[in-house]
Amino acid sequence: MRQIMTLTINPSVDIVWEVEEMAPNRKLRSSRGVLFPGGGGINVSRCITELGGESWALITRGGLTGTMLTEMLDEIGVSRRVVKIAGHTRLSGIVYERSAGQEYRVTPPGPKLQEKEWQACLDLVGEMRTEYVVGTGSLARGVPVDFYARVAAAAKDRDAKMILDTSGEALKEALNEGVYLVKPSQSELEKLLGHRAYTEEQQEDLAREIIDAGKAEFVALTLGEDGALLAWKGGSLRLASPKVNVRSAVGAGDTFVGAITYGLSEGRTPQDAFTLAVAAGAASVMRPGTDLCHKEDVDRLYAEIRATQLVDA
């Protein structure tokens, strides 16, 4: 039995180009386009695979782009369960401008799912035996806003732990159901709770508000270049992000979720899994487009963070 199932209700095929300079109304000579399988849960599974773990990626798939998506998952060794849909899997684009070091992202909404299609995804969550269920990313059109809440309830029925990374009303509804771990950004958490955090103490207060309400056992608050904060009922851990050469922030949050889930599935403490996640998130931004993290970078950065923790102890 695989210990992790990831859910991608709105996956994509991502194509990444590099150009020397962006300019309107003229042909832009680019690098050869590189294709990656995309979408929150798929990125989580890719990270888990890169780190040496296994997961089931539960995905929707439709049209020629859906066929491309499954072929790419086969190439990188990500196991999957597929719900076929009438619409076409979306195609997203990323353009990196070398001269300015800027990145441009084109992200369409994707297909509209029928009730029988999203319900089939929910049914599979209820059928599969796993220790962790990861729900991450945006909901496809046609999917009810309480979909992740329903996933959380189905996970509980199977004695699985729900790990969540989403935003807006979908986040609110899921937390009302209750999850094991939630990974919001600061802006997402501020919007959810209706007040700002200007200091480290206020950031921790926001996280504690979720925990004290019984909506999550752990809150992993990501803070961009300032690192991340893990809070739980008995304490908290704040880690600075390692200093790296940033190429692209695409998929860094998904990589963070993948690494913390992988670490937990290995039997690491939540604090050590969180440390691994901070290392993986930093390793991800070193890579262009949606290339995500490489294990050798994660291992090196993890060792650096652990060494700093020992010095500070």
Protein backbone atom coordinates (compact mmCIF):
# COMPACT_ATOMS: atom_id res chain seq x y z
CA MET A 1 0.00 0.00 0.00
CA ARG A 2 1.38 3.40 -0.98
CA GLN A 3 1.26 5.79 1.96
CA ILE A 4 0.46 8.94 -0.05
CA MET A 5 -2.28 9.89 -2.48
CA THR A 6 -2.21 13.28 -4.20
CA LEU A 7 -5.25 14.82 -5.82
CA THR A 8 -5.15 17.10 -8.87
CA ILE A 9 -8.64 18.08 -9.94
CA ASN A 10 -7.37 20.64 -12.49
CA PRO A 11 -4.03 19.42 -13.91
CA SER A 12 -2.13 20.93 -16.81
CA VAL A 13 0.58 20.35 -19.35
CA ASP A 14 3.15 23.09 -18.79
CA ILE A 15 5.41 24.33 -21.57
CA VAL A 16 8.44 26.49 -20.74
CA TRP A 17 10.32 28.73 -23.18
CA GLU A 18 13.29 31.05 -22.72
CA VAL A 19 13.70 34.20 -24.83
CA GLU A 20 16.42 36.83 -24.77
CA GLU A 21 14.04 39.79 -24.52
CA MET A 22 10.27 40.25 -24.52
CA ALA A 23 8.99 42.70 -27.13
CA PRO A 24 5.54 43.32 -28.68
CA ASN A 25 4.62 42.78 -32.31
CA ARG A 26 7.64 40.79 -33.38
CA LYS A 27 8.65 37.18 -33.57
CA LEU A 28 10.43 36.03 -30.41
CA ARG A 29 13.17 33.47 -30.94
CA SER A 30 12.99 31.03 -28.08
CA SER A 31 14.69 27.98 -26.69
CA ARG A 32 13.20 24.60 -27.47
CA GLY A 33 9.98 24.37 -25.49
CA VAL A 34 10.26 21.96 -22.54
CA LEU A 35 7.13 20.13 -21.38
CA PHE A 36 6.33 19.22 -17.78
CA PRO A 37 3.29 17.58 -16.18
CA GLY A 38 1.67 20.24 -14.01
CA GLY A 39 -0.94 20.99 -11.39
CA GLY A 40 -0.58 21.12 -7.63
CA GLY A 41 -0.99 17.46 -6.72
CA ILE A 42 1.06 16.28 -9.68
CA ASN A 43 3.91 18.56 -8.62
CA VAL A 44 3.66 17.11 -5.11
CA SER A 45 3.93 13.58 -6.52
CA ARG A 46 6.86 14.61 -8.72
CA CYS A 47 8.69 15.92 -5.66
CA ILE A 48 7.96 12.74 -3.69
CA THR A 49 9.28 10.63 -6.57
CA GLU A 50 12.43 12.77 -6.85
CA LEU A 51 13.12 12.31 -3.14
CA GLY A 52 12.78 8.53 -3.42
CA GLY A 53 9.19 7.99 -2.29
CA GLU A 54 6.04 6.67 -3.93
CA SER A 55 2.54 8.05 -4.26
CA TRP A 56 -0.66 7.63 -6.19
CA ALA A 57 -1.52 10.70 -8.26
CA LEU A 58 -5.29 10.89 -8.68
CA ILE A 59 -5.92 13.12 -11.71
CA THR A 60 -8.52 14.12 -14.25
CA ARG A 61 -7.63 13.73 -17.90
CA GLY A 62 -9.23 14.80 -21.17
CA GLY A 63 -8.34 15.26 -24.83
CA LEU A 64 -4.93 15.18 -26.51
CA THR A 65 -3.34 17.24 -23.75
CA GLY A 66 -4.64 14.70 -21.24
CA THR A 67 -2.93 11.92 -23.19
CA MET A 68 0.32 13.91 -23.17
CA LEU A 69 -0.03 14.38 -19.43
CA THR A 70 -0.30 10.65 -18.67
CA GLU A 71 2.58 9.84 -21.02
CA MET A 72 4.82 12.31 -19.16
CA LEU A 73 3.82 10.82 -15.80
CA ASP A 74 4.80 7.40 -17.15
CA GLU A 75 8.21 8.75 -18.20
CA ILE A 76 9.04 10.02 -14.71
CA GLY A 77 7.57 7.02 -12.90
CA VAL A 78 4.58 8.60 -11.14
CA SER A 79 1.80 6.06 -10.56
CA ARG A 80 -1.68 7.36 -11.18
CA ARG A 81 -5.41 6.78 -11.04
CA VAL A 82 -7.30 8.59 -13.79
CA VAL A 83 -10.80 10.00 -14.07
CA LYS A 84 -11.56 10.66 -17.73
CA ILE A 85 -13.43 13.88 -18.45
CA ALA A 86 -15.21 15.30 -21.48
CA GLY A 87 -13.20 18.53 -21.52
CA HIS A 88 -9.56 18.93 -22.47
CA THR A 89 -6.76 19.11 -19.92
CA ARG A 90 -5.45 22.69 -19.90
CA LEU A 91 -2.17 23.82 -21.45
CA SER A 92 -0.21 26.44 -19.49
CA GLY A 93 2.79 28.49 -20.62
CA ILE A 94 5.82 30.02 -18.92
CA VAL A 95 8.23 32.41 -20.67
CA TYR A 96 11.55 33.31 -19.04
CA GLU A 97 13.19 36.55 -20.24
CA ARG A 98 16.95 36.08 -19.91
CA SER A 99 17.96 39.75 -20.23
CA ALA A 100 15.77 40.92 -17.33
CA GLY A 101 15.56 37.71 -15.35
CA GLN A 102 11.77 38.01 -15.44
CA GLU A 103 9.20 35.25 -15.73
CA TYR A 104 5.81 35.45 -17.43
CA ARG A 105 3.10 32.88 -16.67
CA VAL A 106 0.01 32.13 -18.75
CA THR A 107 -2.51 30.06 -16.79
CA PRO A 108 -5.93 29.33 -18.33
CA PRO A 109 -8.85 28.21 -16.15
CA GLY A 110 -9.09 24.69 -17.56
CA PRO A 111 -12.15 22.57 -18.41
CA LYS A 112 -15.51 22.64 -16.65
CA LEU A 113 -16.15 19.35 -14.86
CA GLN A 114 -19.50 17.63 -14.81
CA GLU A 115 -20.89 16.46 -11.47
CA LYS A 116 -20.31 12.81 -12.34
CA GLU A 117 -16.64 13.61 -13.08
CA TRP A 118 -15.74 15.36 -9.83
CA GLN A 119 -17.87 12.87 -7.89
CA ALA A 120 -15.80 10.04 -9.42
CA CYS A 121 -12.68 11.68 -7.99
CA LEU A 122 -14.31 11.89 -4.58
CA ASP A 123 -15.39 8.24 -4.78
CA LEU A 124 -11.80 7.16 -5.50
CA VAL A 125 -10.56 9.05 -2.44
CA GLY A 126 -13.05 7.05 -0.39
CA GLU A 127 -11.97 3.74 -1.93
CA MET A 128 -8.19 3.97 -1.77
CA ARG A 129 -6.30 2.95 1.36
CA THR A 130 -3.53 5.38 2.17
CA GLU A 131 -2.03 7.18 5.16
CA TYR A 132 -1.90 10.69 3.70
CA VAL A 133 -4.23 12.45 1.27
CA VAL A 134 -2.85 15.66 -0.26
CA GLY A 135 -5.26 18.19 -1.70
CA THR A 136 -3.55 21.11 -3.40
CA GLY A 137 -4.17 23.60 -6.15
CA SER A 138 -7.16 25.35 -7.65
CA LEU A 139 -10.53 23.72 -8.20
CA ALA A 140 -11.70 23.18 -11.76
CA ARG A 141 -14.76 25.01 -12.99
CA GLY A 142 -17.95 23.19 -12.04
CA VAL A 143 -16.46 21.71 -8.86
CA PRO A 144 -18.25 22.80 -5.64
CA VAL A 145 -16.37 25.09 -3.29
CA ASP A 146 -16.62 22.52 -0.48
CA PHE A 147 -14.91 19.83 -2.54
CA TYR A 148 -11.76 19.73 -0.40
CA ALA A 149 -13.95 19.62 2.71
CA ARG A 150 -15.59 16.51 1.26
CA VAL A 151 -12.15 15.08 0.54
CA ALA A 152 -11.12 15.75 4.16
CA ALA A 153 -14.24 13.96 5.42
CA ALA A 154 -13.59 10.98 3.12
CA ALA A 155 -9.98 10.84 4.32
CA LYS A 156 -11.11 10.76 7.95
CA ASP A 157 -13.46 7.89 7.15
CA ARG A 158 -10.42 5.95 5.89
CA ASP A 159 -8.25 6.96 8.89
CA ALA A 160 -6.04 9.02 6.54
CA LYS A 161 -4.48 12.40 7.32
CA MET A 162 -5.40 15.28 5.05
CA ILE A 163 -2.68 17.74 4.00
CA LEU A 164 -4.11 20.85 2.35
CA ASP A 165 -2.76 23.68 0.20
CA THR A 166 -5.44 25.84 -1.37
CA SER A 167 -6.95 29.29 -0.89
CA GLY A 168 -10.13 31.33 -0.65
CA GLU A 169 -13.49 29.74 0.03
CA ALA A 170 -12.16 26.25 -0.71
CA LEU A 171 -9.64 26.72 2.13
CA LYS A 172 -12.30 28.05 4.51
CA GLU A 173 -14.68 25.17 3.84
CA ALA A 174 -11.98 22.52 4.24
CA LEU A 175 -10.75 23.97 7.52
CA ASN A 176 -14.30 23.94 8.85
CA GLU A 177 -14.19 20.18 8.28
CA GLY A 178 -10.72 19.95 9.82
CA VAL A 179 -7.40 18.72 8.40
CA TYR A 180 -4.13 17.34 9.73
CA LEU A 181 -1.82 19.98 8.21
CA VAL A 182 -2.51 23.13 6.21
CA LYS A 183 0.09 25.13 4.26
CA PRO A 184 -1.08 28.67 3.56
CA SER A 185 1.00 31.63 2.53
CA GLN A 186 0.82 34.66 4.82
CA SER A 187 -1.49 36.53 2.43
CA GLU A 188 -3.83 33.53 2.17
CA LEU A 189 -4.03 33.20 5.95
CA GLU A 190 -4.54 36.95 6.44
CA LYS A 191 -7.37 36.95 3.92
CA LEU A 192 -8.97 33.90 5.54
CA LEU A 193 -8.90 35.34 9.07
CA GLY A 194 -9.54 38.96 8.17
CA HIS A 195 -6.53 40.63 9.77
CA ARG A 196 -2.90 41.35 8.97
CA ALA A 197 0.31 40.14 10.54
CA TYR A 198 3.10 42.72 10.67
CA THR A 199 5.43 40.96 13.10
CA GLU A 200 6.67 37.43 13.72
CA GLU A 201 4.50 37.27 16.85
CA GLN A 202 1.42 38.22 14.82
CA GLN A 203 2.26 35.56 12.23
CA GLU A 204 2.32 32.97 14.99
CA ASP A 205 -0.96 34.33 16.39
CA LEU A 206 -2.62 33.76 13.01
CA ALA A 207 -1.40 30.17 12.91
CA ARG A 208 -2.52 29.59 16.51
CA GLU A 209 -6.00 30.85 15.67
CA ILE A 210 -6.38 27.92 13.26
CA ILE A 211 -4.93 25.40 15.71
CA ASP A 212 -6.88 26.58 18.76
CA ALA A 213 -10.11 26.36 16.77
CA GLY A 214 -9.36 22.69 16.08
CA LYS A 215 -9.22 23.23 12.33
CA ALA A 216 -5.70 21.81 11.86
CA GLU A 217 -3.13 20.06 14.01
CA PHE A 218 -0.25 21.75 12.18
CA VAL A 219 0.01 25.02 10.28
CA ALA A 220 3.01 25.38 7.95
CA LEU A 221 3.02 29.08 7.10
CA THR A 222 5.24 29.85 4.10
CA LEU A 223 6.84 33.29 4.04
CA GLY A 224 8.69 33.40 0.70
CA GLU A 225 12.32 34.46 0.99
CA ASP A 226 11.81 34.89 4.77
CA GLY A 227 11.43 31.12 5.21
CA ALA A 228 8.55 29.40 6.96
CA LEU A 229 6.87 28.84 10.32
CA LEU A 230 5.53 25.54 11.64
CA ALA A 231 3.07 25.84 14.50
CA TRP A 232 1.35 23.16 16.57
CA LYS A 233 -0.48 23.03 19.88
CA GLY A 234 2.68 22.61 21.92
CA GLY A 235 5.05 25.00 20.18
CA SER A 236 6.47 26.37 16.95
CA LEU A 237 9.55 26.27 14.73
CA ARG A 238 10.70 29.08 12.45
CA LEU A 239 13.32 28.49 9.77
CA ALA A 240 15.03 30.94 7.46
CA SER A 241 15.15 30.06 3.80
CA PRO A 242 18.65 29.12 2.53
CA LYS A 243 20.22 31.73 0.27
CA VAL A 244 20.14 30.42 -3.30
CA ASN A 245 20.21 31.78 -6.84
CA VAL A 246 16.51 32.17 -7.76
CA ARG A 247 15.45 31.11 -11.27
CA SER A 248 11.73 30.46 -10.86
CA ALA A 249 9.21 30.34 -8.03
CA VAL A 250 6.79 28.16 -10.04
CA GLY A 251 5.92 25.02 -8.08
CA ALA A 252 7.94 25.96 -4.98
CA GLY A 253 4.90 25.68 -2.73
CA ASP A 254 3.96 22.31 -4.19
CA THR A 255 7.54 21.14 -3.68
CA PHE A 256 7.34 22.24 -0.03
CA VAL A 257 4.15 20.21 0.41
CA GLY A 258 5.66 17.20 -1.35
CA ALA A 259 8.74 17.19 0.86
CA ILE A 260 6.87 17.59 4.15
CA THR A 261 4.45 14.82 3.18
CA TYR A 262 7.30 12.55 2.11
CA GLY A 263 9.12 13.24 5.37
CA LEU A 264 6.05 12.42 7.45
CA SER A 265 5.44 9.21 5.49
CA GLU A 266 9.03 8.15 6.29
CA GLY A 267 8.30 8.45 9.99
CA ARG A 268 10.19 11.70 10.57
CA THR A 269 8.95 14.08 13.23
CA PRO A 270 6.80 16.94 11.88
CA GLN A 271 9.63 19.32 12.76
CA ASP A 272 12.21 17.35 10.74
CA ALA A 273 9.79 16.90 7.83
CA PHE A 274 9.27 20.68 7.93
CA THR A 275 13.04 21.21 7.78
CA LEU A 276 13.21 18.97 4.71
CA ALA A 277 10.36 20.97 3.15
CA VAL A 278 12.18 24.29 3.62
CA ALA A 279 15.24 22.78 1.93
CA ALA A 280 13.13 21.41 -0.95
CA GLY A 281 11.32 24.71 -1.48
CA ALA A 282 14.66 26.52 -1.75
CA ALA A 283 16.01 23.84 -4.09
CA SER A 284 12.96 24.27 -6.32
CA VAL A 285 13.48 27.99 -6.97
CA MET A 286 17.00 27.24 -8.21
CA ARG A 287 15.50 25.49 -11.25
CA PRO A 288 13.85 27.09 -14.30
CA GLY A 289 10.13 26.88 -14.97
CA THR A 290 8.41 23.87 -13.45
CA ASP A 291 11.55 21.74 -13.24
CA LEU A 292 11.05 21.65 -9.42
CA CYS A 293 13.72 20.36 -7.04
CA HIS A 294 16.62 17.96 -7.58
CA LYS A 295 17.46 15.55 -4.78
CA GLU A 296 21.15 16.45 -4.59
CA ASP A 297 20.23 20.11 -3.98
CA VAL A 298 17.65 19.18 -1.35
CA ASP A 299 20.13 16.96 0.51
CA ARG A 300 22.79 19.68 0.51
CA LEU A 301 20.44 22.44 1.69
CA TYR A 302 18.89 20.17 4.31
CA ALA A 303 22.36 19.49 5.73
CA GLU A 304 23.07 23.25 5.81
CA ILE A 305 19.86 23.99 7.69
CA ARG A 306 20.48 21.18 10.17
CA ALA A 307 24.01 22.44 10.79
CA THR A 308 22.63 25.92 11.50
CA GLN A 309 20.07 24.47 13.91
CA LEU A 310 22.81 22.66 15.81
CA VAL A 311 24.90 25.84 16.06
CA ASP A 312 21.89 27.83 17.31
CA ALA A 313 20.85 25.16 19.82
